[in-house]
Amino acid sequence: MTPENHESHIFDPKNIEVLESEERKTWQNPDEILAQLDLKPDYVVADLGCGSGYFSVPISRKVKKVYGIDVQQEMLDYLEQKVRKQNISNIKTVLSHGNNIPLENESVDMLLTVNTLHEFRDKERTAKEIQRVLKHNGKAIIVDFVKKETTRGPPVKIRVSQKQAIELFEKDGLKFLKSHSLPYHYLLMFQRP
């Protein structure tokens, strides 16, 4: 089980090494997730709940700009160190508060959020915010743990099922495009009409 502070459901930055471990590749399937995204060189992408930048960094190599957004300054500090070490110029870190995404309306071509849906306190508000920041025809990619017992991830009781996630985002006007199954996760793709 991934170390977490279950009271708040937010990943504890003291366990950042779990996010950066080689072992994560075996259960997170990052290459398979990235292959589903269909990234374009002129895209502006938001990585919501970016944590250590596990996805922000590889995405930054394929797009114009990445916003690494997190509610924890410690995570953003870690990502900023990584950006400096790797001499990356197109990642901007953004501290968010509560359920607000501190970006302009219709400012991103794609928003990716990985292993975070179960952490959002007000899921409906977050879904509305995701729709708000997407450009027309922009895509939202939601990756989270399947709602069943697995050797990785948060307690099953706080996980959001794939069906619940689809209903949540469709309710706010996003169009469901496709799903993709991974060993521990589901990937859902939506589009803002």
N, C-alpha and C. Protein backbone atom coordinates (compact mmCIF):
# COMPACT_ATOMS: atom_id res chain seq x y z
N MET A 1 0.84 -1.18 0.00
CA MET A 1 0.00 0.00 0.00
C MET A 1 0.88 1.24 0.00
N THR A 2 0.53 2.20 -0.80
CA THR A 2 1.25 3.45 -0.87
C THR A 2 1.08 4.20 0.44
N PRO A 3 2.18 4.71 1.03
CA PRO A 3 2.04 5.47 2.27
C PRO A 3 1.23 6.74 2.00
N GLU A 4 0.21 6.98 2.82
CA GLU A 4 -0.62 8.16 2.67
C GLU A 4 -1.09 8.62 4.02
N ASN A 5 -1.45 9.85 4.10
CA ASN A 5 -2.16 10.36 5.26
C ASN A 5 -3.63 10.15 4.96
N HIS A 6 -4.22 9.08 5.51
CA HIS A 6 -5.58 8.71 5.14
C HIS A 6 -6.62 9.67 5.70
N GLU A 7 -6.27 10.44 6.72
CA GLU A 7 -7.23 11.38 7.27
C GLU A 7 -7.58 12.43 6.23
N SER A 8 -6.58 12.97 5.57
CA SER A 8 -6.87 14.01 4.58
C SER A 8 -6.86 13.44 3.16
N HIS A 9 -6.42 12.23 2.99
CA HIS A 9 -6.34 11.56 1.70
C HIS A 9 -5.34 12.20 0.75
N ILE A 10 -4.47 13.05 1.26
CA ILE A 10 -3.46 13.67 0.41
C ILE A 10 -2.13 12.99 0.66
N PHE A 11 -1.43 12.69 -0.41
CA PHE A 11 -0.15 11.99 -0.32
C PHE A 11 0.82 12.79 0.54
N ASP A 12 1.52 12.11 1.41
CA ASP A 12 2.47 12.75 2.32
C ASP A 12 3.80 13.00 1.60
N PRO A 13 4.22 14.27 1.49
CA PRO A 13 5.48 14.58 0.79
C PRO A 13 6.70 13.91 1.40
N LYS A 14 6.60 13.48 2.66
CA LYS A 14 7.74 12.77 3.28
C LYS A 14 8.03 11.46 2.55
N ASN A 15 7.04 10.97 1.82
CA ASN A 15 7.19 9.70 1.10
C ASN A 15 7.45 9.90 -0.39
N ILE A 16 8.04 11.01 -0.73
CA ILE A 16 8.25 11.37 -2.14
C ILE A 16 9.08 10.31 -2.88
N GLU A 17 9.94 9.60 -2.15
CA GLU A 17 10.76 8.58 -2.82
C GLU A 17 9.90 7.49 -3.46
N VAL A 18 8.70 7.27 -2.92
CA VAL A 18 7.78 6.29 -3.52
C VAL A 18 7.37 6.76 -4.92
N LEU A 19 7.14 8.08 -5.05
CA LEU A 19 6.73 8.63 -6.34
C LEU A 19 7.85 8.56 -7.37
N GLU A 20 9.08 8.60 -6.91
CA GLU A 20 10.23 8.64 -7.81
C GLU A 20 10.91 7.29 -8.00
N SER A 21 10.44 6.25 -7.34
CA SER A 21 11.13 4.96 -7.35
C SER A 21 11.05 4.28 -8.73
N GLU A 22 12.08 3.50 -9.02
CA GLU A 22 12.09 2.68 -10.24
C GLU A 22 10.92 1.71 -10.22
N GLU A 23 10.59 1.24 -9.03
CA GLU A 23 9.51 0.26 -8.89
C GLU A 23 8.18 0.82 -9.39
N ARG A 24 8.01 2.14 -9.32
CA ARG A 24 6.73 2.74 -9.76
C ARG A 24 6.43 2.41 -11.21
N LYS A 25 7.48 2.28 -12.02
CA LYS A 25 7.25 1.94 -13.44
C LYS A 25 6.51 0.61 -13.59
N THR A 26 6.74 -0.31 -12.64
CA THR A 26 6.13 -1.64 -12.76
C THR A 26 4.64 -1.63 -12.45
N TRP A 27 4.18 -0.68 -11.65
CA TRP A 27 2.75 -0.67 -11.32
C TRP A 27 2.01 0.55 -11.87
N GLN A 28 2.71 1.61 -12.23
CA GLN A 28 2.05 2.81 -12.75
C GLN A 28 1.88 2.77 -14.26
N ASN A 29 2.74 2.04 -14.97
CA ASN A 29 2.67 1.94 -16.43
C ASN A 29 2.74 3.31 -17.12
N PRO A 30 3.75 4.14 -16.78
CA PRO A 30 3.80 5.50 -17.32
C PRO A 30 3.90 5.54 -18.84
N ASP A 31 4.67 4.64 -19.45
CA ASP A 31 4.81 4.67 -20.92
C ASP A 31 3.48 4.39 -21.60
N GLU A 32 2.72 3.46 -21.04
CA GLU A 32 1.41 3.12 -21.61
C GLU A 32 0.43 4.29 -21.44
N ILE A 33 0.49 4.96 -20.30
CA ILE A 33 -0.37 6.13 -20.07
C ILE A 33 -0.01 7.24 -21.06
N LEU A 34 1.28 7.54 -21.16
CA LEU A 34 1.72 8.61 -22.07
C LEU A 34 1.37 8.30 -23.52
N ALA A 35 1.41 7.03 -23.91
CA ALA A 35 1.08 6.63 -25.27
C ALA A 35 -0.39 6.91 -25.60
N GLN A 36 -1.25 6.94 -24.59
CA GLN A 36 -2.68 7.18 -24.79
C GLN A 36 -3.00 8.66 -25.02
N LEU A 37 -2.06 9.55 -24.72
CA LEU A 37 -2.36 10.98 -24.67
C LEU A 37 -2.42 11.69 -26.02
N ASP A 38 -1.72 11.22 -27.02
CA ASP A 38 -1.69 11.88 -28.33
C ASP A 38 -1.29 13.35 -28.19
N LEU A 39 -0.12 13.56 -27.60
CA LEU A 39 0.39 14.92 -27.35
C LEU A 39 0.86 15.57 -28.64
N LYS A 40 0.63 16.86 -28.75
CA LYS A 40 1.05 17.63 -29.93
C LYS A 40 2.07 18.69 -29.49
N PRO A 41 3.02 19.03 -30.37
CA PRO A 41 4.08 19.99 -30.01
C PRO A 41 3.58 21.37 -29.57
N ASP A 42 2.39 21.79 -30.04
CA ASP A 42 1.90 23.12 -29.68
C ASP A 42 0.97 23.11 -28.46
N TYR A 43 0.83 21.96 -27.80
CA TYR A 43 -0.08 21.84 -26.66
C TYR A 43 0.43 22.56 -25.42
N VAL A 44 -0.54 23.08 -24.67
CA VAL A 44 -0.32 23.52 -23.30
C VAL A 44 -1.06 22.51 -22.44
N VAL A 45 -0.33 21.87 -21.51
CA VAL A 45 -0.88 20.77 -20.71
C VAL A 45 -0.82 21.13 -19.23
N ALA A 46 -1.88 20.82 -18.51
CA ALA A 46 -1.90 20.95 -17.05
C ALA A 46 -1.79 19.56 -16.44
N ASP A 47 -0.86 19.40 -15.51
CA ASP A 47 -0.72 18.16 -14.75
C ASP A 47 -1.24 18.48 -13.35
N LEU A 48 -2.51 18.13 -13.11
CA LEU A 48 -3.19 18.48 -11.86
C LEU A 48 -2.87 17.44 -10.80
N GLY A 49 -2.29 17.92 -9.69
CA GLY A 49 -1.81 17.00 -8.67
C GLY A 49 -0.50 16.38 -9.13
N CYS A 50 0.37 17.24 -9.65
CA CYS A 50 1.59 16.78 -10.32
C CYS A 50 2.58 16.08 -9.40
N GLY A 51 2.47 16.32 -8.10
CA GLY A 51 3.40 15.67 -7.17
C GLY A 51 4.84 16.00 -7.51
N SER A 52 5.65 14.98 -7.67
CA SER A 52 7.09 15.15 -7.94
C SER A 52 7.39 15.45 -9.41
N GLY A 53 6.35 15.51 -10.24
CA GLY A 53 6.56 15.77 -11.66
C GLY A 53 6.81 14.52 -12.47
N TYR A 54 6.38 13.38 -11.94
CA TYR A 54 6.60 12.09 -12.59
C TYR A 54 6.08 12.08 -14.03
N PHE A 55 4.96 12.75 -14.27
CA PHE A 55 4.41 12.85 -15.63
C PHE A 55 4.74 14.20 -16.27
N SER A 56 4.85 15.24 -15.48
CA SER A 56 5.13 16.58 -16.03
C SER A 56 6.41 16.59 -16.85
N VAL A 57 7.46 15.95 -16.34
CA VAL A 57 8.76 16.00 -17.01
C VAL A 57 8.72 15.31 -18.38
N PRO A 58 8.27 14.05 -18.48
CA PRO A 58 8.23 13.45 -19.82
C PRO A 58 7.27 14.16 -20.78
N ILE A 59 6.17 14.69 -20.27
CA ILE A 59 5.24 15.43 -21.12
C ILE A 59 5.91 16.69 -21.65
N SER A 60 6.72 17.35 -20.81
CA SER A 60 7.36 18.61 -21.22
C SER A 60 8.26 18.44 -22.44
N ARG A 61 8.73 17.24 -22.69
CA ARG A 61 9.60 16.98 -23.84
C ARG A 61 8.82 16.91 -25.16
N LYS A 62 7.48 16.86 -25.06
CA LYS A 62 6.66 16.67 -26.26
C LYS A 62 5.72 17.82 -26.56
N VAL A 63 5.63 18.80 -25.63
CA VAL A 63 4.65 19.88 -25.79
C VAL A 63 5.30 21.24 -25.59
N LYS A 64 4.51 22.30 -25.84
CA LYS A 64 5.01 23.66 -25.71
C LYS A 64 5.18 24.07 -24.24
N LYS A 65 4.18 23.74 -23.40
CA LYS A 65 4.23 24.18 -22.01
C LYS A 65 3.47 23.22 -21.11
N VAL A 66 3.97 23.06 -19.87
CA VAL A 66 3.29 22.23 -18.87
C VAL A 66 3.13 23.05 -17.60
N TYR A 67 1.91 23.05 -17.07
CA TYR A 67 1.66 23.60 -15.74
C TYR A 67 1.66 22.43 -14.77
N GLY A 68 2.62 22.39 -13.87
CA GLY A 68 2.63 21.39 -12.80
C GLY A 68 1.90 21.99 -11.61
N ILE A 69 0.71 21.47 -11.33
CA ILE A 69 -0.17 22.06 -10.31
C ILE A 69 -0.29 21.11 -9.13
N ASP A 70 -0.10 21.64 -7.92
CA ASP A 70 -0.25 20.81 -6.73
C ASP A 70 -0.68 21.68 -5.56
N VAL A 71 -1.30 21.05 -4.55
CA VAL A 71 -1.72 21.78 -3.35
C VAL A 71 -0.62 21.81 -2.30
N GLN A 72 0.48 21.11 -2.55
CA GLN A 72 1.56 21.03 -1.57
C GLN A 72 2.83 21.70 -2.12
N GLN A 73 3.26 22.75 -1.45
CA GLN A 73 4.45 23.47 -1.88
C GLN A 73 5.69 22.57 -1.89
N GLU A 74 5.76 21.61 -0.96
CA GLU A 74 6.92 20.69 -0.91
C GLU A 74 7.06 19.91 -2.22
N MET A 75 5.93 19.50 -2.79
CA MET A 75 5.95 18.78 -4.06
C MET A 75 6.46 19.69 -5.18
N LEU A 76 5.96 20.92 -5.20
CA LEU A 76 6.37 21.86 -6.23
C LEU A 76 7.85 22.22 -6.09
N ASP A 77 8.34 22.34 -4.86
CA ASP A 77 9.76 22.60 -4.64
C ASP A 77 10.61 21.47 -5.21
N TYR A 78 10.16 20.24 -4.99
CA TYR A 78 10.89 19.08 -5.51
C TYR A 78 10.90 19.11 -7.04
N LEU A 79 9.74 19.40 -7.64
CA LEU A 79 9.66 19.48 -9.09
C LEU A 79 10.55 20.60 -9.63
N GLU A 80 10.57 21.73 -8.96
CA GLU A 80 11.42 22.85 -9.41
C GLU A 80 12.90 22.47 -9.38
N GLN A 81 13.32 21.71 -8.36
CA GLN A 81 14.71 21.23 -8.32
C GLN A 81 15.00 20.31 -9.51
N LYS A 82 14.07 19.44 -9.79
CA LYS A 82 14.21 18.51 -10.92
C LYS A 82 14.31 19.27 -12.24
N VAL A 83 13.47 20.29 -12.39
CA VAL A 83 13.45 21.12 -13.60
C VAL A 83 14.81 21.81 -13.78
N ARG A 84 15.34 22.36 -12.69
CA ARG A 84 16.65 23.03 -12.76
C ARG A 84 17.77 22.04 -13.12
N LYS A 85 17.77 20.88 -12.45
CA LYS A 85 18.81 19.87 -12.71
C LYS A 85 18.80 19.40 -14.16
N GLN A 86 17.59 19.26 -14.72
CA GLN A 86 17.45 18.74 -16.09
C GLN A 86 17.37 19.86 -17.13
N ASN A 87 17.51 21.10 -16.66
CA ASN A 87 17.51 22.25 -17.56
C ASN A 87 16.26 22.31 -18.44
N ILE A 88 15.10 22.13 -17.80
CA ILE A 88 13.82 22.17 -18.51
C ILE A 88 13.27 23.59 -18.40
N SER A 89 12.86 24.15 -19.53
CA SER A 89 12.41 25.55 -19.51
C SER A 89 10.91 25.73 -19.70
N ASN A 90 10.16 24.65 -19.94
CA ASN A 90 8.74 24.83 -20.27
C ASN A 90 7.79 24.24 -19.22
N ILE A 91 8.26 24.05 -17.99
CA ILE A 91 7.37 23.64 -16.90
C ILE A 91 7.24 24.80 -15.94
N LYS A 92 6.00 25.18 -15.66
CA LYS A 92 5.73 26.24 -14.68
C LYS A 92 4.97 25.59 -13.53
N THR A 93 5.49 25.72 -12.31
CA THR A 93 4.79 25.16 -11.16
C THR A 93 3.76 26.16 -10.65
N VAL A 94 2.62 25.61 -10.20
CA VAL A 94 1.51 26.44 -9.75
C VAL A 94 0.93 25.83 -8.47
N LEU A 95 0.90 26.61 -7.40
CA LEU A 95 0.31 26.17 -6.14
C LEU A 95 -1.19 26.42 -6.20
N SER A 96 -1.97 25.37 -5.95
CA SER A 96 -3.43 25.54 -5.94
C SER A 96 -3.92 25.46 -4.49
N HIS A 97 -5.10 25.99 -4.29
CA HIS A 97 -5.71 26.00 -2.95
C HIS A 97 -7.11 25.42 -3.06
N GLY A 98 -7.43 24.51 -2.19
CA GLY A 98 -8.76 23.92 -2.20
C GLY A 98 -9.05 23.23 -3.51
N ASN A 99 -10.22 23.48 -4.05
CA ASN A 99 -10.64 22.82 -5.29
C ASN A 99 -10.48 23.72 -6.51
N ASN A 100 -9.83 24.86 -6.35
CA ASN A 100 -9.65 25.78 -7.47
C ASN A 100 -8.39 25.44 -8.26
N ILE A 101 -8.49 25.56 -9.57
CA ILE A 101 -7.32 25.41 -10.45
C ILE A 101 -6.93 26.82 -10.86
N PRO A 102 -5.77 27.31 -10.40
CA PRO A 102 -5.41 28.71 -10.64
C PRO A 102 -4.88 28.97 -12.05
N LEU A 103 -5.71 28.69 -13.04
CA LEU A 103 -5.40 28.96 -14.45
C LEU A 103 -6.57 29.73 -15.06
N GLU A 104 -6.28 30.41 -16.15
CA GLU A 104 -7.32 31.16 -16.86
C GLU A 104 -8.34 30.22 -17.50
N ASN A 105 -9.53 30.74 -17.77
CA ASN A 105 -10.54 29.98 -18.51
C ASN A 105 -9.96 29.57 -19.87
N GLU A 106 -10.29 28.37 -20.31
CA GLU A 106 -9.92 27.88 -21.64
C GLU A 106 -8.44 28.11 -21.96
N SER A 107 -7.57 27.71 -21.03
CA SER A 107 -6.14 27.99 -21.19
C SER A 107 -5.29 26.76 -21.52
N VAL A 108 -5.87 25.55 -21.43
CA VAL A 108 -5.06 24.35 -21.70
C VAL A 108 -5.71 23.45 -22.74
N ASP A 109 -4.85 22.81 -23.53
CA ASP A 109 -5.32 21.86 -24.54
C ASP A 109 -5.63 20.51 -23.91
N MET A 110 -4.92 20.19 -22.82
CA MET A 110 -5.10 18.91 -22.17
C MET A 110 -4.84 19.07 -20.69
N LEU A 111 -5.63 18.37 -19.88
CA LEU A 111 -5.38 18.29 -18.45
C LEU A 111 -5.29 16.83 -18.07
N LEU A 112 -4.21 16.49 -17.41
CA LEU A 112 -3.98 15.12 -16.94
C LEU A 112 -3.98 15.15 -15.42
N THR A 113 -4.67 14.20 -14.82
CA THR A 113 -4.58 14.04 -13.37
C THR A 113 -4.46 12.55 -13.07
N VAL A 114 -3.38 12.18 -12.38
CA VAL A 114 -3.05 10.78 -12.14
C VAL A 114 -3.04 10.51 -10.63
N ASN A 115 -3.78 9.50 -10.21
CA ASN A 115 -3.83 9.06 -8.82
C ASN A 115 -4.32 10.16 -7.87
N THR A 116 -5.20 11.02 -8.36
CA THR A 116 -5.65 12.14 -7.53
C THR A 116 -7.16 12.23 -7.37
N LEU A 117 -7.93 11.63 -8.24
CA LEU A 117 -9.39 11.79 -8.17
C LEU A 117 -9.91 11.41 -6.78
N HIS A 118 -9.37 10.35 -6.22
CA HIS A 118 -9.81 9.91 -4.89
C HIS A 118 -9.42 10.91 -3.80
N GLU A 119 -8.45 11.81 -4.09
CA GLU A 119 -7.98 12.78 -3.09
C GLU A 119 -8.80 14.07 -3.09
N PHE A 120 -9.46 14.39 -4.19
CA PHE A 120 -10.19 15.66 -4.26
C PHE A 120 -11.35 15.66 -3.27
N ARG A 121 -11.36 16.67 -2.41
CA ARG A 121 -12.43 16.76 -1.39
C ARG A 121 -13.79 17.03 -2.04
N ASP A 122 -13.85 18.01 -2.93
CA ASP A 122 -15.10 18.35 -3.60
C ASP A 122 -14.94 17.97 -5.07
N LYS A 123 -15.26 16.73 -5.38
CA LYS A 123 -15.03 16.19 -6.72
C LYS A 123 -15.85 16.94 -7.78
N GLU A 124 -17.08 17.33 -7.44
CA GLU A 124 -17.91 18.05 -8.42
C GLU A 124 -17.30 19.41 -8.74
N ARG A 125 -16.83 20.11 -7.73
CA ARG A 125 -16.20 21.42 -7.96
C ARG A 125 -14.94 21.25 -8.81
N THR A 126 -14.15 20.22 -8.52
CA THR A 126 -12.93 19.97 -9.28
C THR A 126 -13.27 19.65 -10.74
N ALA A 127 -14.31 18.86 -10.96
CA ALA A 127 -14.73 18.53 -12.33
C ALA A 127 -15.14 19.79 -13.09
N LYS A 128 -15.84 20.69 -12.43
CA LYS A 128 -16.24 21.97 -13.06
C LYS A 128 -15.00 22.81 -13.39
N GLU A 129 -14.03 22.82 -12.48
CA GLU A 129 -12.80 23.56 -12.70
C GLU A 129 -12.01 22.99 -13.89
N ILE A 130 -11.98 21.67 -13.98
CA ILE A 130 -11.29 21.02 -15.11
C ILE A 130 -11.93 21.46 -16.42
N GLN A 131 -13.24 21.42 -16.47
CA GLN A 131 -13.94 21.85 -17.69
C GLN A 131 -13.64 23.31 -17.99
N ARG A 132 -13.62 24.15 -16.96
CA ARG A 132 -13.41 25.59 -17.14
C ARG A 132 -12.06 25.90 -17.78
N VAL A 133 -11.00 25.20 -17.37
CA VAL A 133 -9.66 25.54 -17.87
C VAL A 133 -9.36 24.92 -19.23
N LEU A 134 -10.17 23.95 -19.66
CA LEU A 134 -9.94 23.31 -20.96
C LEU A 134 -10.40 24.22 -22.10
N LYS A 135 -9.61 24.26 -23.15
CA LYS A 135 -10.04 24.94 -24.38
C LYS A 135 -11.15 24.11 -25.01
N HIS A 136 -11.89 24.71 -25.94
CA HIS A 136 -12.89 23.94 -26.69
C HIS A 136 -12.15 22.81 -27.41
N ASN A 137 -12.72 21.63 -27.36
CA ASN A 137 -12.12 20.40 -27.88
C ASN A 137 -10.92 19.92 -27.08
N GLY A 138 -10.62 20.60 -25.95
CA GLY A 138 -9.54 20.16 -25.08
C GLY A 138 -9.90 18.85 -24.40
N LYS A 139 -8.89 18.12 -24.01
CA LYS A 139 -9.11 16.79 -23.44
C LYS A 139 -8.70 16.73 -21.97
N ALA A 140 -9.50 16.01 -21.19
CA ALA A 140 -9.18 15.72 -19.79
C ALA A 140 -8.89 14.23 -19.69
N ILE A 141 -7.75 13.90 -19.08
CA ILE A 141 -7.36 12.50 -18.90
C ILE A 141 -7.34 12.23 -17.40
N ILE A 142 -8.16 11.29 -16.97
CA ILE A 142 -8.28 10.94 -15.56
C ILE A 142 -7.73 9.53 -15.39
N VAL A 143 -6.69 9.39 -14.58
CA VAL A 143 -6.13 8.07 -14.28
C VAL A 143 -6.23 7.89 -12.77
N ASP A 144 -6.89 6.82 -12.35
CA ASP A 144 -6.95 6.55 -10.91
C ASP A 144 -7.05 5.06 -10.66
N PHE A 145 -6.91 4.71 -9.40
CA PHE A 145 -6.91 3.30 -9.00
C PHE A 145 -8.30 2.70 -9.17
N VAL A 146 -8.34 1.46 -9.68
CA VAL A 146 -9.61 0.74 -9.79
C VAL A 146 -10.20 0.58 -8.39
N LYS A 147 -11.52 0.48 -8.32
CA LYS A 147 -12.19 0.37 -7.02
C LYS A 147 -12.30 -1.10 -6.62
N LYS A 148 -11.16 -1.69 -6.34
CA LYS A 148 -11.10 -3.04 -5.79
C LYS A 148 -9.76 -3.18 -5.08
N GLU A 149 -9.65 -4.17 -4.25
CA GLU A 149 -8.43 -4.37 -3.48
C GLU A 149 -7.25 -4.67 -4.40
N THR A 150 -6.18 -3.92 -4.27
CA THR A 150 -4.95 -4.15 -5.03
C THR A 150 -3.77 -4.01 -4.07
N THR A 151 -2.61 -4.44 -4.51
CA THR A 151 -1.42 -4.37 -3.65
C THR A 151 -0.85 -2.96 -3.57
N ARG A 152 -1.37 -2.04 -4.37
CA ARG A 152 -0.94 -0.64 -4.37
C ARG A 152 -2.15 0.25 -4.23
N GLY A 153 -1.93 1.45 -3.72
CA GLY A 153 -2.98 2.45 -3.73
C GLY A 153 -3.65 2.67 -2.39
N PRO A 154 -4.58 3.63 -2.39
CA PRO A 154 -5.29 4.01 -1.17
C PRO A 154 -6.33 2.95 -0.79
N PRO A 155 -6.94 3.10 0.38
CA PRO A 155 -8.00 2.16 0.77
C PRO A 155 -9.14 2.16 -0.26
N VAL A 156 -9.71 1.00 -0.50
CA VAL A 156 -10.78 0.86 -1.49
C VAL A 156 -11.94 1.81 -1.20
N LYS A 157 -12.25 2.01 0.08
CA LYS A 157 -13.42 2.83 0.45
C LYS A 157 -13.33 4.27 -0.06
N ILE A 158 -12.11 4.80 -0.29
CA ILE A 158 -12.02 6.18 -0.78
C ILE A 158 -11.80 6.25 -2.29
N ARG A 159 -11.67 5.11 -2.94
CA ARG A 159 -11.48 5.11 -4.39
C ARG A 159 -12.78 5.43 -5.11
N VAL A 160 -12.65 5.95 -6.33
CA VAL A 160 -13.80 6.31 -7.16
C VAL A 160 -13.86 5.29 -8.30
N SER A 161 -14.99 4.63 -8.47
CA SER A 161 -15.10 3.65 -9.54
C SER A 161 -15.06 4.33 -10.90
N GLN A 162 -14.75 3.56 -11.91
CA GLN A 162 -14.71 4.09 -13.28
C GLN A 162 -16.09 4.63 -13.66
N LYS A 163 -17.14 3.90 -13.31
CA LYS A 163 -18.51 4.33 -13.63
C LYS A 163 -18.82 5.65 -12.93
N GLN A 164 -18.47 5.78 -11.65
CA GLN A 164 -18.71 7.02 -10.91
C GLN A 164 -17.94 8.19 -11.54
N ALA A 165 -16.71 7.92 -11.96
CA ALA A 165 -15.89 8.98 -12.57
C ALA A 165 -16.49 9.45 -13.89
N ILE A 166 -16.95 8.52 -14.71
CA ILE A 166 -17.58 8.90 -15.99
C ILE A 166 -18.81 9.75 -15.73
N GLU A 167 -19.66 9.32 -14.79
CA GLU A 167 -20.87 10.08 -14.47
C GLU A 167 -20.52 11.48 -13.96
N LEU A 168 -19.49 11.59 -13.12
CA LEU A 168 -19.08 12.86 -12.55
C LEU A 168 -18.68 13.86 -13.63
N PHE A 169 -17.88 13.42 -14.59
CA PHE A 169 -17.38 14.35 -15.61
C PHE A 169 -18.40 14.60 -16.72
N GLU A 170 -19.22 13.60 -17.03
CA GLU A 170 -20.27 13.82 -18.03
C GLU A 170 -21.32 14.80 -17.50
N LYS A 171 -21.59 14.73 -16.20
CA LYS A 171 -22.58 15.62 -15.57
C LYS A 171 -22.19 17.08 -15.78
N ASP A 172 -20.91 17.34 -15.82
CA ASP A 172 -20.44 18.71 -16.00
C ASP A 172 -20.20 19.07 -17.46
N GLY A 173 -20.71 18.24 -18.37
CA GLY A 173 -20.70 18.62 -19.77
C GLY A 173 -19.52 18.13 -20.60
N LEU A 174 -18.64 17.35 -20.00
CA LEU A 174 -17.55 16.78 -20.79
C LEU A 174 -18.05 15.54 -21.52
N LYS A 175 -17.54 15.33 -22.70
CA LYS A 175 -17.95 14.17 -23.51
C LYS A 175 -16.96 13.04 -23.27
N PHE A 176 -17.47 11.89 -22.89
CA PHE A 176 -16.62 10.71 -22.66
C PHE A 176 -16.17 10.16 -24.01
N LEU A 177 -14.85 10.02 -24.19
CA LEU A 177 -14.30 9.53 -25.45
C LEU A 177 -13.89 8.06 -25.38
N LYS A 178 -13.13 7.71 -24.34
CA LYS A 178 -12.67 6.31 -24.28
C LYS A 178 -12.13 5.99 -22.90
N SER A 179 -12.00 4.70 -22.66
CA SER A 179 -11.36 4.23 -21.43
C SER A 179 -10.26 3.25 -21.82
N HIS A 180 -9.31 3.10 -20.94
CA HIS A 180 -8.20 2.17 -21.16
C HIS A 180 -7.89 1.52 -19.81
N SER A 181 -7.78 0.20 -19.80
CA SER A 181 -7.53 -0.52 -18.55
C SER A 181 -6.05 -0.79 -18.36
N LEU A 182 -5.60 -0.57 -17.14
CA LEU A 182 -4.23 -0.84 -16.73
C LEU A 182 -4.30 -1.82 -15.55
N PRO A 183 -3.19 -2.45 -15.18
CA PRO A 183 -3.25 -3.44 -14.10
C PRO A 183 -3.85 -2.92 -12.78
N TYR A 184 -3.53 -1.70 -12.38
CA TYR A 184 -4.03 -1.17 -11.12
C TYR A 184 -4.97 0.03 -11.31
N HIS A 185 -5.06 0.52 -12.51
CA HIS A 185 -5.74 1.78 -12.79
C HIS A 185 -6.71 1.67 -13.96
N TYR A 186 -7.55 2.70 -14.07
CA TYR A 186 -8.29 2.95 -15.29
C TYR A 186 -7.82 4.31 -15.82
N LEU A 187 -7.90 4.48 -17.12
CA LEU A 187 -7.63 5.76 -17.76
C LEU A 187 -8.89 6.14 -18.50
N LEU A 188 -9.38 7.35 -18.25
CA LEU A 188 -10.57 7.85 -18.92
C LEU A 188 -10.20 9.12 -19.67
N MET A 189 -10.72 9.24 -20.89
CA MET A 189 -10.47 10.44 -21.68
C MET A 189 -11.81 11.10 -21.99
N PHE A 190 -11.85 12.41 -21.70
CA PHE A 190 -13.03 13.22 -21.96
C PHE A 190 -12.62 14.38 -22.85
N GLN A 191 -13.63 14.98 -23.51
CA GLN A 191 -13.36 16.15 -24.34
C GLN A 191 -14.37 17.24 -24.00
N ARG A 192 -13.88 18.47 -23.96
CA ARG A 192 -14.79 19.60 -23.80
C ARG A 192 -15.35 19.95 -25.17
N PRO A 193 -16.67 19.89 -25.35
CA PRO A 193 -17.26 20.19 -26.67
C PRO A 193 -17.05 21.64 -27.07
